Amino acid sequence: MQLIAVIVCTRGRPWMFKQCLESLCNLTAPPGHALDIIVVENGMIDYASELVIKAKNEFPAKGFHYVNQPSLGIPQARNAGLLKAIEVDANWMGFIDDDEIAPDSWLVEMLKGSENIDILSGPVLKWVIPGEAADIDSAYIFSELKKKYKPTDEKMANRSVATNNVLFKRNILGVVDSRGPDILLFNEDLRFCGGEDTEFFKRAIQGGGTYARRNGVFLVEMQSKSRQTLSWIFMRSWQTGAAAAREKLKSARPVYITFVIPKVVSRMLLSPLSIFVFLKLFSCGVYRFGLRRLKGMGWALGFVAYWIFRFSPEPYRETDGF
């Protein structure tokens, strides 16, 4: 019997976390597998422990573990979850965000045909919470529940991997025991700026881990009003661009100049025109047009700001949602 440990880190989102935990309680474990759920509460405000105790009483077939990590930071919380998963001797470990909902079949579908794969990830679709739609038609702009993905599970060694829908084998951590000096952990220097998950899995793949994307196995991300603004989309893209620049500089490979610089320049040149047209048509109800260019310009500016000035925003110093 193999053990799967699903880790969810939470901070400042009691209602969203409750929805997430309820979906995890209803997960079906694949044949030959047991399931543990590890909850890491980041910070001193305690709202999760009581929900974990309640879940443990209602779902005795699953294992539940509560960890408090008082040191603020996403990588700090995720590392606390990893160490707990090592402690319970999990064979597979996974991450889901506290603002996401998992379908009952998530683990079953994710692990199909995974014998020779070390890391598995899938897409995340956005869903506007009822009553949380902004003044614009947010249910149309931000909801992706009907978004289509190619059903193929292609192995992609260079793909960026996030922690919002991922499972991986314990062996990628290089674990002998919980005190081992070579355990692969998240970079705690990136506590508020993001990008630590991409860096973590990049190191795992460079260390020999194999990766495949499950395009048909998705989680649903709850969207609150705070995320339904053009400024939020722009700054999120800025942060992604800054994280990309940080990774490229670490690689120090000249080949990146050939491919990345034209990408940055084209986004900076084309995006303003597209955004101008987008804003002109906004009042006519053409909402989605230009959003991609807005993201592109944000990404490009974030990339340049970090590449030249080493400036990186810290969007995770505060949490959004509820």
C-alpha atoms as a PDB file:
ATOM      1  CA  MET A   1       0.000   0.000   0.000  1.00  0.00           C
ATOM      2  CA  GLN A   2       1.504   3.297  -1.090  1.00  0.00           C
ATOM      3  CA  LEU A   3       0.743   6.551   0.687  1.00  0.00           C
ATOM      4  CA  ILE A   4      -0.195   9.810  -1.047  1.00  0.00           C
ATOM      5  CA  ALA A   5       0.218  12.996   1.013  1.00  0.00           C
ATOM      6  CA  VAL A   6      -1.666  16.010  -0.358  1.00  0.00           C
ATOM      7  CA  ILE A   7      -0.357  19.273   1.108  1.00  0.00           C
ATOM      8  CA  VAL A   8      -2.380  22.480   1.302  1.00  0.00           C
ATOM      9  CA  CYS A   9      -0.888  25.657   2.771  1.00  0.00           C
ATOM     10  CA  THR A  10      -3.279  28.336   3.972  1.00  0.00           C
ATOM     11  CA  ARG A  11      -3.131  31.877   5.282  1.00  0.00           C
ATOM     12  CA  GLY A  12      -5.939  34.398   5.691  1.00  0.00           C
ATOM     13  CA  ARG A  13      -8.551  32.546   3.636  1.00  0.00           C
ATOM     14  CA  PRO A  14     -10.831  30.685   6.077  1.00  0.00           C
ATOM     15  CA  TRP A  15     -13.852  30.394   3.750  1.00  0.00           C
ATOM     16  CA  MET A  16     -11.846  29.372   0.694  1.00  0.00           C
ATOM     17  CA  PHE A  17      -9.797  26.919   2.729  1.00  0.00           C
ATOM     18  CA  LYS A  18     -12.975  25.317   4.050  1.00  0.00           C
ATOM     19  CA  GLN A  19     -14.202  24.685   0.482  1.00  0.00           C
ATOM     20  CA  CYS A  20     -10.801  23.292  -0.466  1.00  0.00           C
ATOM     21  CA  LEU A  21     -10.636  20.971   2.542  1.00  0.00           C
ATOM     22  CA  GLU A  22     -14.146  19.665   1.909  1.00  0.00           C
ATOM     23  CA  SER A  23     -13.147  18.724  -1.634  1.00  0.00           C
ATOM     24  CA  LEU A  24     -10.041  16.938  -0.340  1.00  0.00           C
ATOM     25  CA  CYS A  25     -12.131  14.982   2.142  1.00  0.00           C
ATOM     26  CA  ASN A  26     -14.160  13.609  -0.772  1.00  0.00           C
ATOM     27  CA  LEU A  27     -11.162  12.520  -2.833  1.00  0.00           C
ATOM     28  CA  THR A  28     -11.068   8.927  -4.025  1.00  0.00           C
ATOM     29  CA  ALA A  29      -7.729   7.243  -3.413  1.00  0.00           C
ATOM     30  CA  PRO A  30      -6.400   5.206  -6.351  1.00  0.00           C
ATOM     31  CA  PRO A  31      -6.397   1.401  -5.899  1.00  0.00           C
ATOM     32  CA  GLY A  32      -3.482   0.312  -3.756  1.00  0.00           C
ATOM     33  CA  HIS A  33      -3.042   3.760  -2.246  1.00  0.00           C
ATOM     34  CA  ALA A  34      -3.921   5.396   1.063  1.00  0.00           C
ATOM     35  CA  LEU A  35      -4.427   9.154   1.447  1.00  0.00           C
ATOM     36  CA  ASP A  36      -3.147  11.631   4.009  1.00  0.00           C
ATOM     37  CA  ILE A  37      -4.001  15.336   3.959  1.00  0.00           C
ATOM     38  CA  ILE A  38      -1.449  17.736   5.428  1.00  0.00           C
ATOM     39  CA  VAL A  39      -2.622  21.249   6.299  1.00  0.00           C
ATOM     40  CA  VAL A  40       0.030  23.898   6.938  1.00  0.00           C
ATOM     41  CA  GLU A  41      -1.252  27.126   8.442  1.00  0.00           C
ATOM     42  CA  ASN A  42       1.135  29.992   7.771  1.00  0.00           C
ATOM     43  CA  GLY A  43       1.117  32.682  10.463  1.00  0.00           C
ATOM     44  CA  MET A  44      -0.232  33.011  13.964  1.00  0.00           C
ATOM     45  CA  ILE A  45      -3.954  33.259  13.145  1.00  0.00           C
ATOM     46  CA  ASP A  46      -5.506  29.847  13.759  1.00  0.00           C
ATOM     47  CA  TYR A  47      -8.662  28.971  11.833  1.00  0.00           C
ATOM     48  CA  ALA A  48      -7.586  25.715  10.186  1.00  0.00           C
ATOM     49  CA  SER A  49      -6.862  23.409  13.126  1.00  0.00           C
ATOM     50  CA  GLU A  50     -10.505  23.136  14.178  1.00  0.00           C
ATOM     51  CA  LEU A  51     -11.547  22.279  10.619  1.00  0.00           C
ATOM     52  CA  VAL A  52      -8.835  19.621  10.432  1.00  0.00           C
ATOM     53  CA  ILE A  53     -10.023  18.033  13.691  1.00  0.00           C
ATOM     54  CA  LYS A  54     -13.591  18.009  12.402  1.00  0.00           C
ATOM     55  CA  ALA A  55     -12.522  16.402   9.123  1.00  0.00           C
ATOM     56  CA  LYS A  56     -10.503  13.773  10.967  1.00  0.00           C
ATOM     57  CA  ASN A  57     -13.600  12.750  12.945  1.00  0.00           C
ATOM     58  CA  GLU A  58     -15.865  12.673   9.889  1.00  0.00           C
ATOM     59  CA  PHE A  59     -13.464  10.866   7.543  1.00  0.00           C
ATOM     60  CA  PRO A  60     -11.564   8.307   9.651  1.00  0.00           C
ATOM     61  CA  ALA A  61     -10.355   6.398   6.558  1.00  0.00           C
ATOM     62  CA  LYS A  62      -8.086   9.307   5.649  1.00  0.00           C
ATOM     63  CA  GLY A  63      -5.154  10.622   7.633  1.00  0.00           C
ATOM     64  CA  PHE A  64      -5.141  14.290   8.638  1.00  0.00           C
ATOM     65  CA  HIS A  65      -2.183  16.301   9.919  1.00  0.00           C
ATOM     66  CA  TYR A  66      -2.058  19.921  11.041  1.00  0.00           C
ATOM     67  CA  VAL A  67       1.165  21.941  11.048  1.00  0.00           C
ATOM     68  CA  ASN A  68       1.587  25.573  12.070  1.00  0.00           C
ATOM     69  CA  GLN A  69       4.442  27.474  10.432  1.00  0.00           C
ATOM     70  CA  PRO A  70       4.668  30.851  12.189  1.00  0.00           C
ATOM     71  CA  SER A  71       7.380  32.183   9.858  1.00  0.00           C
ATOM     72  CA  LEU A  72       5.508  33.928   7.039  1.00  0.00           C
ATOM     73  CA  GLY A  73       6.303  32.941   3.476  1.00  0.00           C
ATOM     74  CA  ILE A  74       4.984  30.520   0.864  1.00  0.00           C
ATOM     75  CA  PRO A  75       8.227  28.493   0.576  1.00  0.00           C
ATOM     76  CA  GLN A  76       8.487  28.328   4.367  1.00  0.00           C
ATOM     77  CA  ALA A  77       4.991  26.838   4.568  1.00  0.00           C
ATOM     78  CA  ARG A  78       5.560  24.417   1.694  1.00  0.00           C
ATOM     79  CA  ASN A  79       8.803  23.169   3.209  1.00  0.00           C
ATOM     80  CA  ALA A  80       7.008  22.507   6.488  1.00  0.00           C
ATOM     81  CA  GLY A  81       4.497  20.444   4.517  1.00  0.00           C
ATOM     82  CA  LEU A  82       7.233  18.516   2.710  1.00  0.00           C
ATOM     83  CA  LEU A  83       8.996  17.654   5.958  1.00  0.00           C
ATOM     84  CA  LYS A  84       5.713  16.415   7.421  1.00  0.00           C
ATOM     85  CA  ALA A  85       5.119  14.275   4.320  1.00  0.00           C
ATOM     86  CA  ILE A  86       8.589  12.776   4.752  1.00  0.00           C
ATOM     87  CA  GLU A  87       7.812  12.128   8.411  1.00  0.00           C
ATOM     88  CA  VAL A  88       4.657  10.137   7.567  1.00  0.00           C
ATOM     89  CA  ASP A  89       6.670   8.223   4.923  1.00  0.00           C
ATOM     90  CA  ALA A  90       4.612   9.282   1.898  1.00  0.00           C
ATOM     91  CA  ASN A  91       5.489   7.699  -1.457  1.00  0.00           C
ATOM     92  CA  TRP A  92       3.713  10.416  -3.452  1.00  0.00           C
ATOM     93  CA  MET A  93       3.378  14.058  -2.454  1.00  0.00           C
ATOM     94  CA  GLY A  94       1.118  16.686  -3.946  1.00  0.00           C
ATOM     95  CA  PHE A  95       0.221  20.343  -3.621  1.00  0.00           C
ATOM     96  CA  ILE A  96      -3.067  22.163  -4.036  1.00  0.00           C
ATOM     97  CA  ASP A  97      -3.659  25.845  -3.223  1.00  0.00           C
ATOM     98  CA  ASP A  98      -6.114  26.817  -0.497  1.00  0.00           C
ATOM     99  CA  ASP A  99      -8.263  28.705  -3.034  1.00  0.00           C
ATOM    100  CA  GLU A 100      -8.799  25.621  -5.208  1.00  0.00           C
ATOM    101  CA  ILE A 101     -11.333  22.808  -5.367  1.00  0.00           C
ATOM    102  CA  ALA A 102     -10.429  19.266  -6.424  1.00  0.00           C
ATOM    103  CA  PRO A 103     -12.839  16.891  -8.191  1.00  0.00           C
ATOM    104  CA  ASP A 104     -13.309  13.529  -6.481  1.00  0.00           C
ATOM    105  CA  SER A 105     -11.353  11.696  -9.187  1.00  0.00           C
ATOM    106  CA  TRP A 106      -8.329  14.016  -9.165  1.00  0.00           C
ATOM    107  CA  LEU A 107      -5.777  11.559  -7.770  1.00  0.00           C
ATOM    108  CA  VAL A 108      -7.154   8.557  -9.665  1.00  0.00           C
ATOM    109  CA  GLU A 109      -6.920  10.344 -13.013  1.00  0.00           C
ATOM    110  CA  MET A 110      -3.580  11.947 -12.254  1.00  0.00           C
ATOM    111  CA  LEU A 111      -1.834   8.682 -11.395  1.00  0.00           C
ATOM    112  CA  LYS A 112      -3.034   6.643 -14.373  1.00  0.00           C
ATOM    113  CA  GLY A 113      -0.010   5.234 -16.185  1.00  0.00           C
ATOM    114  CA  SER A 114       2.449   7.021 -13.916  1.00  0.00           C
ATOM    115  CA  GLU A 115       4.849   4.127 -13.294  1.00  0.00           C
ATOM    116  CA  ASN A 116       7.774   5.769 -15.106  1.00  0.00           C
ATOM    117  CA  ILE A 117       6.914   9.398 -14.316  1.00  0.00           C
ATOM    118  CA  ASP A 118       8.233  11.303 -11.294  1.00  0.00           C
ATOM    119  CA  ILE A 119       6.313  14.599 -11.591  1.00  0.00           C
ATOM    120  CA  LEU A 120       2.745  15.095 -12.816  1.00  0.00           C
ATOM    121  CA  SER A 121       0.880  18.370 -13.155  1.00  0.00           C
ATOM    122  CA  GLY A 122      -2.364  19.598 -14.663  1.00  0.00           C
ATOM    123  CA  PRO A 123      -4.184  22.830 -15.571  1.00  0.00           C
ATOM    124  CA  VAL A 124      -6.181  25.061 -13.240  1.00  0.00           C
ATOM    125  CA  LEU A 125      -9.443  26.592 -14.424  1.00  0.00           C
ATOM    126  CA  LYS A 126     -10.786  29.809 -12.958  1.00  0.00           C
ATOM    127  CA  TRP A 127     -14.292  30.027 -11.498  1.00  0.00           C
ATOM    128  CA  VAL A 128     -15.936  33.213 -10.266  1.00  0.00           C
ATOM    129  CA  ILE A 129     -17.545  32.677  -6.860  1.00  0.00           C
ATOM    130  CA  PRO A 130     -21.314  33.382  -6.957  1.00  0.00           C
ATOM    131  CA  GLY A 131     -21.902  36.890  -5.665  1.00  0.00           C
ATOM    132  CA  GLU A 132     -18.267  37.861  -6.252  1.00  0.00           C
ATOM    133  CA  ALA A 133     -18.592  39.025  -9.854  1.00  0.00           C
ATOM    134  CA  ALA A 134     -17.324  42.561 -10.377  1.00  0.00           C
ATOM    135  CA  ASP A 135     -19.207  45.245 -12.303  1.00  0.00           C
ATOM    136  CA  ILE A 136     -17.966  43.944 -15.622  1.00  0.00           C
ATOM    137  CA  ASP A 137     -19.149  40.575 -16.858  1.00  0.00           C
ATOM    138  CA  SER A 138     -16.537  38.754 -14.805  1.00  0.00           C
ATOM    139  CA  ALA A 139     -18.250  35.397 -15.098  1.00  0.00           C
ATOM    140  CA  TYR A 140     -17.534  35.615 -18.817  1.00  0.00           C
ATOM    141  CA  ILE A 141     -14.039  37.099 -18.664  1.00  0.00           C
ATOM    142  CA  PHE A 142     -12.552  35.152 -15.807  1.00  0.00           C
ATOM    143  CA  SER A 143     -14.382  31.835 -15.814  1.00  0.00           C
ATOM    144  CA  GLU A 144     -12.514  29.139 -17.720  1.00  0.00           C
ATOM    145  CA  LEU A 145     -14.684  26.149 -16.902  1.00  0.00           C
ATOM    146  CA  LYS A 146     -15.333  25.554 -20.607  1.00  0.00           C
ATOM    147  CA  LYS A 147     -11.710  26.031 -21.622  1.00  0.00           C
ATOM    148  CA  LYS A 148     -10.436  23.203 -23.794  1.00  0.00           C
ATOM    149  CA  TYR A 149      -7.055  21.540 -23.501  1.00  0.00           C
ATOM    150  CA  LYS A 150      -5.408  18.986 -25.738  1.00  0.00           C
ATOM    151  CA  PRO A 151      -6.021  15.594 -24.138  1.00  0.00           C
ATOM    152  CA  THR A 152      -2.497  14.324 -24.759  1.00  0.00           C
ATOM    153  CA  ASP A 153      -0.105  13.719 -21.881  1.00  0.00           C
ATOM    154  CA  GLU A 154       3.130  14.803 -23.480  1.00  0.00           C
ATOM    155  CA  LYS A 155       6.380  14.551 -21.592  1.00  0.00           C
ATOM    156  CA  MET A 156       7.861  18.035 -21.461  1.00  0.00           C
ATOM    157  CA  ALA A 157      11.252  18.194 -19.758  1.00  0.00           C
ATOM    158  CA  ASN A 158      11.530  21.991 -19.997  1.00  0.00           C
ATOM    159  CA  ARG A 159       7.997  22.876 -18.966  1.00  0.00           C
ATOM    160  CA  SER A 160       7.481  25.222 -16.012  1.00  0.00           C
ATOM    161  CA  VAL A 161       5.715  23.394 -13.205  1.00  0.00           C
ATOM    162  CA  ALA A 162       3.664  25.090 -10.488  1.00  0.00           C
ATOM    163  CA  THR A 163       2.377  23.825  -7.143  1.00  0.00           C
ATOM    164  CA  ASN A 164      -1.287  24.556  -7.842  1.00  0.00           C
ATOM    165  CA  ASN A 165      -1.983  21.098  -9.319  1.00  0.00           C
ATOM    166  CA  VAL A 166       0.924  18.715  -8.955  1.00  0.00           C
ATOM    167  CA  LEU A 167       1.896  15.276  -7.700  1.00  0.00           C
ATOM    168  CA  PHE A 168       5.425  13.936  -7.454  1.00  0.00           C
ATOM    169  CA  LYS A 169       7.322  10.948  -6.145  1.00  0.00           C
ATOM    170  CA  ARG A 170       9.298  11.192  -2.940  1.00  0.00           C
ATOM    171  CA  ASN A 171      12.470  10.157  -4.733  1.00  0.00           C
ATOM    172  CA  ILE A 172      12.854  13.573  -6.432  1.00  0.00           C
ATOM    173  CA  LEU A 173      13.671  15.026  -3.018  1.00  0.00           C
ATOM    174  CA  GLY A 174      16.780  12.872  -2.720  1.00  0.00           C
ATOM    175  CA  VAL A 175      15.535  11.806   0.683  1.00  0.00           C
ATOM    176  CA  VAL A 176      17.332   9.252   2.835  1.00  0.00           C
ATOM    177  CA  ASP A 177      15.906  10.491   6.111  1.00  0.00           C
ATOM    178  CA  SER A 178      14.387  13.745   7.322  1.00  0.00           C
ATOM    179  CA  ARG A 179      17.777  14.975   8.539  1.00  0.00           C
ATOM    180  CA  GLY A 180      19.556  14.425   5.239  1.00  0.00           C
ATOM    181  CA  PRO A 181      21.544  17.450   3.994  1.00  0.00           C
ATOM    182  CA  ASP A 182      20.593  16.948   0.350  1.00  0.00           C
ATOM    183  CA  ILE A 183      16.812  17.205   0.620  1.00  0.00           C
ATOM    184  CA  LEU A 184      15.343  19.239  -2.225  1.00  0.00           C
ATOM    185  CA  LEU A 185      13.380  22.081  -0.637  1.00  0.00           C
ATOM    186  CA  PHE A 186      11.766  25.322  -1.802  1.00  0.00           C
ATOM    187  CA  ASN A 187      14.019  28.379  -1.823  1.00  0.00           C
ATOM    188  CA  GLU A 188      13.047  30.329   1.301  1.00  0.00           C
ATOM    189  CA  ASP A 189      14.742  33.478   0.023  1.00  0.00           C
ATOM    190  CA  LEU A 190      11.746  33.849  -2.330  1.00  0.00           C
ATOM    191  CA  ARG A 191       9.255  34.037   0.512  1.00  0.00           C
ATOM    192  CA  PHE A 192       6.987  36.769  -0.896  1.00  0.00           C
ATOM    193  CA  CYS A 193       7.953  37.276  -4.551  1.00  0.00           C
ATOM    194  CA  GLY A 194       6.796  33.960  -6.056  1.00  0.00           C
ATOM    195  CA  GLY A 195       8.528  31.702  -8.546  1.00  0.00           C
ATOM    196  CA  GLU A 196       9.852  29.314  -5.901  1.00  0.00           C
ATOM    197  CA  ASP A 197       7.729  26.481  -7.257  1.00  0.00           C
ATOM    198  CA  THR A 198       9.072  26.840 -10.813  1.00  0.00           C
ATOM    199  CA  GLU A 199      12.620  26.864  -9.435  1.00  0.00           C
ATOM    200  CA  PHE A 200      11.939  23.832  -7.217  1.00  0.00           C
ATOM    201  CA  PHE A 201      10.673  21.630 -10.034  1.00  0.00           C
ATOM    202  CA  LYS A 202      13.322  22.892 -12.444  1.00  0.00           C
ATOM    203  CA  ARG A 203      15.965  21.635 -10.022  1.00  0.00           C
ATOM    204  CA  ALA A 204      14.088  18.338  -9.674  1.00  0.00           C
ATOM    205  CA  ILE A 205      13.994  17.825 -13.448  1.00  0.00           C
ATOM    206  CA  GLN A 206      17.649  18.825 -13.830  1.00  0.00           C
ATOM    207  CA  GLY A 207      18.397  16.204 -11.177  1.00  0.00           C
ATOM    208  CA  GLY A 208      16.913  13.491 -13.390  1.00  0.00           C
ATOM    209  CA  GLY A 209      13.209  13.649 -12.562  1.00  0.00           C
ATOM    210  CA  THR A 210      10.811  12.844 -15.403  1.00  0.00           C
ATOM    211  CA  TYR A 211       7.776  15.023 -16.005  1.00  0.00           C
ATOM    212  CA  ALA A 212       4.429  14.713 -17.781  1.00  0.00           C
ATOM    213  CA  ARG A 213       1.461  17.049 -17.954  1.00  0.00           C
ATOM    214  CA  ARG A 214      -2.057  15.693 -17.490  1.00  0.00           C
ATOM    215  CA  ASN A 215      -3.986  18.134 -19.640  1.00  0.00           C
ATOM    216  CA  GLY A 216      -7.342  16.541 -18.867  1.00  0.00           C
ATOM    217  CA  VAL A 217      -6.962  16.551 -15.071  1.00  0.00           C
ATOM    218  CA  PHE A 218      -7.783  19.992 -13.743  1.00  0.00           C
ATOM    219  CA  LEU A 219      -8.500  21.770 -10.484  1.00  0.00           C
ATOM    220  CA  VAL A 220     -10.792  24.778 -10.104  1.00  0.00           C
ATOM    221  CA  GLU A 221      -9.521  28.072  -8.674  1.00  0.00           C
ATOM    222  CA  MET A 222     -12.025  30.312  -6.889  1.00  0.00           C
ATOM    223  CA  GLN A 223     -11.956  33.920  -8.082  1.00  0.00           C
ATOM    224  CA  SER A 224     -12.852  36.751  -5.701  1.00  0.00           C
ATOM    225  CA  LYS A 225     -13.516  40.380  -6.668  1.00  0.00           C
ATOM    226  CA  SER A 226      -9.962  41.399  -5.835  1.00  0.00           C
ATOM    227  CA  ARG A 227      -8.659  39.370  -8.783  1.00  0.00           C
ATOM    228  CA  GLN A 228     -11.160  40.703 -11.304  1.00  0.00           C
ATOM    229  CA  THR A 229      -9.363  43.928 -12.108  1.00  0.00           C
ATOM    230  CA  LEU A 230      -7.013  44.916 -14.891  1.00  0.00           C
ATOM    231  CA  SER A 231      -4.467  46.157 -12.333  1.00  0.00           C
ATOM    232  CA  TRP A 232      -4.379  42.732 -10.628  1.00  0.00           C
ATOM    233  CA  ILE A 233      -3.893  40.959 -13.961  1.00  0.00           C
ATOM    234  CA  PHE A 234      -1.126  43.393 -14.926  1.00  0.00           C
ATOM    235  CA  MET A 235       0.767  43.086 -11.632  1.00  0.00           C
ATOM    236  CA  ARG A 236       0.435  39.294 -11.602  1.00  0.00           C
ATOM    237  CA  SER A 237       1.969  39.216 -15.086  1.00  0.00           C
ATOM    238  CA  TRP A 238       4.702  41.628 -13.906  1.00  0.00           C
ATOM    239  CA  GLN A 239       5.570  39.223 -11.081  1.00  0.00           C
ATOM    240  CA  THR A 240       5.694  36.290 -13.516  1.00  0.00           C
ATOM    241  CA  GLY A 241       8.046  38.213 -15.801  1.00  0.00           C
ATOM    242  CA  ALA A 242      10.334  39.109 -12.901  1.00  0.00           C
ATOM    243  CA  ALA A 243      10.468  35.456 -11.838  1.00  0.00           C
ATOM    244  CA  ALA A 244      11.327  34.441 -15.405  1.00  0.00           C
ATOM    245  CA  ALA A 245      14.187  36.966 -15.522  1.00  0.00           C
ATOM    246  CA  ARG A 246      15.526  35.694 -12.213  1.00  0.00           C
ATOM    247  CA  GLU A 247      15.654  32.148 -13.575  1.00  0.00           C
ATOM    248  CA  LYS A 248      17.286  33.189 -16.851  1.00  0.00           C
ATOM    249  CA  LEU A 249      20.009  35.110 -15.020  1.00  0.00           C
ATOM    250  CA  LYS A 250      20.751  32.083 -12.847  1.00  0.00           C
ATOM    251  CA  SER A 251      21.116  29.906 -15.929  1.00  0.00           C
ATOM    252  CA  ALA A 252      23.657  32.321 -17.442  1.00  0.00           C
ATOM    253  CA  ARG A 253      23.241  30.750 -20.870  1.00  0.00           C
ATOM    254  CA  PRO A 254      23.868  33.071 -23.864  1.00  0.00           C
ATOM    255  CA  VAL A 255      21.272  31.185 -25.905  1.00  0.00           C
ATOM    256  CA  TYR A 256      18.568  32.896 -23.844  1.00  0.00           C
ATOM    257  CA  ILE A 257      19.509  36.251 -25.332  1.00  0.00           C
ATOM    258  CA  THR A 258      18.568  34.909 -28.770  1.00  0.00           C
ATOM    259  CA  PHE A 259      15.103  33.808 -27.738  1.00  0.00           C
ATOM    260  CA  VAL A 260      14.095  35.926 -24.748  1.00  0.00           C
ATOM    261  CA  ILE A 261      15.053  39.454 -25.829  1.00  0.00           C
ATOM    262  CA  PRO A 262      12.949  39.383 -29.051  1.00  0.00           C
ATOM    263  CA  LYS A 263      10.050  38.058 -26.993  1.00  0.00           C
ATOM    264  CA  VAL A 264      10.371  40.914 -24.493  1.00  0.00           C
ATOM    265  CA  VAL A 265      10.733  43.590 -27.176  1.00  0.00           C
ATOM    266  CA  SER A 266       7.769  42.349 -29.227  1.00  0.00           C
ATOM    267  CA  ARG A 267       5.520  42.278 -26.173  1.00  0.00           C
ATOM    268  CA  MET A 268       6.482  45.786 -25.165  1.00  0.00           C
ATOM    269  CA  LEU A 269       5.898  47.150 -28.661  1.00  0.00           C
ATOM    270  CA  LEU A 270       2.680  45.311 -29.537  1.00  0.00           C
ATOM    271  CA  SER A 271       0.963  45.408 -26.157  1.00  0.00           C
ATOM    272  CA  PRO A 272       0.274  49.188 -25.891  1.00  0.00           C
ATOM    273  CA  LEU A 273      -1.531  49.237 -29.245  1.00  0.00           C
ATOM    274  CA  SER A 274      -3.611  46.192 -28.339  1.00  0.00           C
ATOM    275  CA  ILE A 275      -4.469  47.633 -24.928  1.00  0.00           C
ATOM    276  CA  PHE A 276      -5.514  50.952 -26.513  1.00  0.00           C
ATOM    277  CA  VAL A 277      -7.898  49.118 -28.834  1.00  0.00           C
ATOM    278  CA  PHE A 278      -9.093  46.984 -25.928  1.00  0.00           C
ATOM    279  CA  LEU A 279      -9.944  50.026 -23.795  1.00  0.00           C
ATOM    280  CA  LYS A 280     -11.758  51.675 -26.709  1.00  0.00           C
ATOM    281  CA  LEU A 281     -13.924  48.606 -27.201  1.00  0.00           C
ATOM    282  CA  PHE A 282     -14.424  47.978 -23.484  1.00  0.00           C
ATOM    283  CA  SER A 283     -17.580  50.071 -23.324  1.00  0.00           C
ATOM    284  CA  CYS A 284     -18.993  48.061 -26.226  1.00  0.00           C
ATOM    285  CA  GLY A 285     -18.785  44.834 -24.269  1.00  0.00           C
ATOM    286  CA  VAL A 286     -15.710  43.370 -25.980  1.00  0.00           C
ATOM    287  CA  TYR A 287     -14.000  42.369 -22.757  1.00  0.00           C
ATOM    288  CA  ARG A 288     -11.526  39.630 -23.546  1.00  0.00           C
ATOM    289  CA  PHE A 289      -9.904  41.346 -26.482  1.00  0.00           C
ATOM    290  CA  GLY A 290      -6.500  42.691 -25.453  1.00  0.00           C
ATOM    291  CA  LEU A 291      -6.235  40.882 -22.109  1.00  0.00           C
ATOM    292  CA  ARG A 292      -3.489  38.701 -23.509  1.00  0.00           C
ATOM    293  CA  ARG A 293      -1.568  41.769 -24.642  1.00  0.00           C
ATOM    294  CA  LEU A 294      -2.058  43.365 -21.217  1.00  0.00           C
ATOM    295  CA  LYS A 295      -0.519  40.265 -19.649  1.00  0.00           C
ATOM    296  CA  GLY A 296       2.243  40.333 -22.245  1.00  0.00           C
ATOM    297  CA  MET A 297       3.221  43.914 -21.475  1.00  0.00           C
ATOM    298  CA  GLY A 298       3.135  43.262 -17.730  1.00  0.00           C
ATOM    299  CA  TRP A 299       5.361  40.213 -18.197  1.00  0.00           C
ATOM    300  CA  ALA A 300       7.807  42.149 -20.387  1.00  0.00           C
ATOM    301  CA  LEU A 301       8.070  45.107 -17.981  1.00  0.00           C
ATOM    302  CA  GLY A 302       8.545  42.771 -15.042  1.00  0.00           C
ATOM    303  CA  PHE A 303      11.266  40.910 -16.939  1.00  0.00           C
ATOM    304  CA  VAL A 304      13.120  44.107 -17.838  1.00  0.00           C
ATOM    305  CA  ALA A 305      12.732  45.591 -14.337  1.00  0.00           C
ATOM    306  CA  TYR A 306      14.390  42.561 -12.769  1.00  0.00           C
ATOM    307  CA  TRP A 307      16.967  42.009 -15.527  1.00  0.00           C
ATOM    308  CA  ILE A 308      18.266  45.589 -15.334  1.00  0.00           C
ATOM    309  CA  PHE A 309      17.357  46.872 -11.860  1.00  0.00           C
ATOM    310  CA  ARG A 310      16.880  43.579  -9.952  1.00  0.00           C
ATOM    311  CA  PHE A 311      13.458  44.849  -8.926  1.00  0.00           C
ATOM    312  CA  SER A 312      10.929  42.195  -7.996  1.00  0.00           C
ATOM    313  CA  PRO A 313       7.477  42.842  -6.473  1.00  0.00           C
ATOM    314  CA  GLU A 314       6.348  40.956  -3.370  1.00  0.00           C
ATOM    315  CA  PRO A 315       2.672  40.208  -4.064  1.00  0.00           C
ATOM    316  CA  TYR A 316       2.500  37.469  -1.449  1.00  0.00           C
ATOM    317  CA  ARG A 317       3.376  39.682   1.501  1.00  0.00           C
ATOM    318  CA  GLU A 318      -0.395  40.105   1.818  1.00  0.00           C
ATOM    319  CA  THR A 319      -3.080  37.581   0.867  1.00  0.00           C
ATOM    320  CA  ASP A 320      -6.236  38.165  -1.143  1.00  0.00           C
ATOM    321  CA  GLY A 321      -9.443  36.179  -0.893  1.00  0.00           C
ATOM    322  CA  PHE A 322     -11.433  35.391   2.221  1.00  0.00           C
END
